[in-house]
Amino acid sequence: MTVSGTLLAFDFGTQRIGIAIGNTLSASARPLTTIADEKNAVRFAAIATLLAEWQPGALVVGLPCNDDGTPHEMTARCRRFANQLKGRFNLPTILVDERYTSAAASTQLTAQGVHGRKQKPLLDQYAAQQILQAYLDEPSAGLIV
């Protein structure tokens, strides 16, 4: 399946969800926002607002794995989150390997002069940008939910 147009990407976490936006035409992604709430009702309401505003053609969710590619506790949680997105919003949902995206996001922020604790509120949305950029660079690497 090929998707085109606007895409939203998610770096799912139990405390925060980073969100990035991108477009297949420009093949570029940028950080958008972070949802810093642990309550599912609040999270999905915020996501619904973003979907209404940006009208994405598909959603991309980072899938965490161990360095060797094997799943761990967060792998199942992210798959469940991706399934919930697909079920609630009826949009194509794609899983993308997110190994090393947080480290790359931290490096990117450091290069922009954001250091230490000041990175915390931005790190997840920059990680989401890394996830989405990885998909835009290599769409065949994504797994359809």
Protein backbone atom coordinates (compact mmCIF):
# COMPACT_ATOMS: atom_id res chain seq x y z
CA MET A 1 0.00 0.00 0.00
CA THR A 2 1.31 3.42 -0.93
CA VAL A 3 0.26 6.46 1.06
CA SER A 4 0.66 10.03 -0.05
CA GLY A 5 0.11 13.48 1.35
CA THR A 6 0.28 14.50 4.98
CA LEU A 7 1.34 11.96 7.62
CA LEU A 8 1.40 12.15 11.41
CA ALA A 9 3.93 10.09 13.34
CA PHE A 10 3.88 9.04 16.98
CA ASP A 11 6.65 8.19 19.42
CA PHE A 12 4.53 6.39 22.02
CA GLY A 13 5.51 6.35 25.66
CA THR A 14 3.71 5.64 28.90
CA GLN A 15 4.20 9.24 30.10
CA ARG A 16 4.41 11.19 26.84
CA ILE A 17 3.59 10.80 23.16
CA GLY A 18 5.73 12.76 20.73
CA ILE A 19 4.10 13.74 17.46
CA ALA A 20 5.64 14.82 14.17
CA ILE A 21 4.15 15.86 10.85
CA GLY A 22 5.45 15.28 7.38
CA ASN A 23 4.50 15.08 3.76
CA THR A 24 5.28 12.51 1.11
CA LEU A 25 5.57 15.20 -1.58
CA SER A 26 8.43 17.02 0.18
CA ALA A 27 9.66 13.76 1.81
CA SER A 28 10.37 15.71 4.97
CA ALA A 29 9.22 15.58 8.57
CA ARG A 30 9.25 18.08 11.42
CA PRO A 31 8.45 17.91 15.14
CA LEU A 32 4.91 19.01 15.95
CA THR A 33 3.99 18.58 19.62
CA THR A 34 4.12 16.35 22.68
CA ILE A 35 1.11 15.05 24.59
CA ALA A 36 2.24 14.93 28.21
CA ASP A 37 -0.64 13.11 29.86
CA GLU A 38 -0.99 9.50 30.96
CA LYS A 39 -4.80 9.35 30.67
CA ASN A 40 -5.96 7.65 27.47
CA ALA A 41 -9.07 9.84 27.19
CA VAL A 42 -6.92 12.99 27.20
CA ARG A 43 -4.41 11.50 24.78
CA PHE A 44 -6.98 10.39 22.22
CA ALA A 45 -8.90 13.68 22.47
CA ALA A 46 -5.66 15.57 21.71
CA ILE A 47 -4.92 13.20 18.82
CA ALA A 48 -8.44 13.67 17.44
CA THR A 49 -7.91 17.45 17.47
CA LEU A 50 -4.63 17.08 15.58
CA LEU A 51 -6.22 14.76 13.03
CA ALA A 52 -9.05 17.23 12.43
CA GLU A 53 -6.54 20.04 11.96
CA TRP A 54 -4.00 18.28 9.73
CA GLN A 55 -6.18 15.70 7.91
CA PRO A 56 -3.41 13.11 7.49
CA GLY A 57 -3.71 10.32 4.94
CA ALA A 58 -1.99 7.85 7.26
CA LEU A 59 -0.45 7.47 10.71
CA VAL A 60 3.05 6.20 11.48
CA VAL A 61 3.89 4.68 14.88
CA GLY A 62 7.40 3.92 16.10
CA LEU A 63 7.89 0.28 17.08
CA PRO A 64 10.57 -0.17 19.74
CA CYS A 65 12.69 -3.31 19.77
CA ASN A 66 15.86 -4.50 21.41
CA ASP A 67 19.10 -3.77 19.53
CA ASP A 68 18.95 -7.25 17.98
CA GLY A 69 15.39 -6.66 16.72
CA THR A 70 13.63 -8.82 19.28
CA PRO A 71 10.52 -7.41 21.01
CA HIS A 72 10.38 -6.15 24.60
CA GLU A 73 7.63 -4.86 26.91
CA MET A 74 7.07 -1.59 25.02
CA THR A 75 6.84 -3.40 21.67
CA ALA A 76 3.44 -4.88 22.58
CA ARG A 77 2.22 -1.57 24.05
CA CYS A 78 3.13 0.29 20.85
CA ARG A 79 1.39 -2.33 18.71
CA ARG A 80 -1.71 -1.94 20.88
CA PHE A 81 -1.53 1.86 20.54
CA ALA A 82 -1.23 1.53 16.74
CA ASN A 83 -4.26 -0.78 16.67
CA GLN A 84 -6.22 1.69 18.81
CA LEU A 85 -5.36 4.53 16.42
CA LYS A 86 -6.48 2.48 13.43
CA GLY A 87 -9.68 1.39 15.16
CA ARG A 88 -10.65 4.83 16.47
CA PHE A 89 -9.74 6.94 13.47
CA ASN A 90 -10.02 4.49 10.56
CA LEU A 91 -6.77 5.63 8.94
CA PRO A 92 -3.99 3.48 7.50
CA THR A 93 -1.52 2.90 10.32
CA ILE A 94 2.08 1.93 9.71
CA LEU A 95 4.66 0.62 12.18
CA VAL A 96 8.28 1.72 11.74
CA ASP A 97 11.37 0.48 13.59
CA GLU A 98 12.31 3.19 16.07
CA ARG A 99 15.64 1.85 17.30
CA TYR A 100 18.09 4.69 18.01
CA THR A 101 15.58 7.47 17.25
CA SER A 102 15.78 8.95 20.75
CA ALA A 103 19.58 9.08 20.53
CA ALA A 104 19.37 10.72 17.10
CA ALA A 105 16.78 13.19 18.42
CA SER A 106 19.04 14.07 21.36
CA THR A 107 21.96 14.64 19.00
CA GLN A 108 19.78 16.86 16.82
CA LEU A 109 18.66 18.92 19.81
CA THR A 110 22.22 19.25 21.08
CA ALA A 111 23.27 20.53 17.66
CA GLN A 112 20.52 23.15 17.99
CA GLY A 113 21.89 24.25 21.36
CA VAL A 114 19.32 22.47 23.55
CA HIS A 115 21.15 20.55 26.27
CA GLY A 116 20.43 18.33 29.27
CA ARG A 117 17.08 18.68 31.01
CA LYS A 118 15.90 21.28 28.49
CA GLN A 119 15.65 18.44 25.95
CA LYS A 120 13.03 16.50 27.94
CA PRO A 121 9.89 18.34 26.75
CA LEU A 122 11.10 18.22 23.12
CA LEU A 123 12.77 14.84 22.87
CA ASP A 124 9.65 12.77 22.08
CA GLN A 125 8.46 14.98 19.22
CA TYR A 126 11.97 15.01 17.76
CA ALA A 127 12.06 11.21 18.06
CA ALA A 128 8.70 11.13 16.22
CA GLN A 129 10.32 13.26 13.51
CA GLN A 130 13.12 10.68 13.22
CA ILE A 131 10.54 7.86 12.96
CA LEU A 132 8.59 9.65 10.24
CA GLN A 133 11.71 10.65 8.32
CA ALA A 134 12.84 7.01 8.37
CA TYR A 135 9.50 6.02 6.81
CA LEU A 136 9.62 8.82 4.22
CA ASP A 137 13.16 7.77 3.28
CA GLU A 138 12.24 4.07 3.01
CA PRO A 139 8.45 3.45 2.82
CA SER A 140 8.93 -0.26 2.12
CA ALA A 141 10.37 -0.65 5.64
CA GLY A 142 6.98 0.17 7.22
CA LEU A 143 4.61 -2.56 8.41
CA ILE A 144 0.89 -2.00 7.87
CA VAL A 145 -1.24 -2.60 10.98
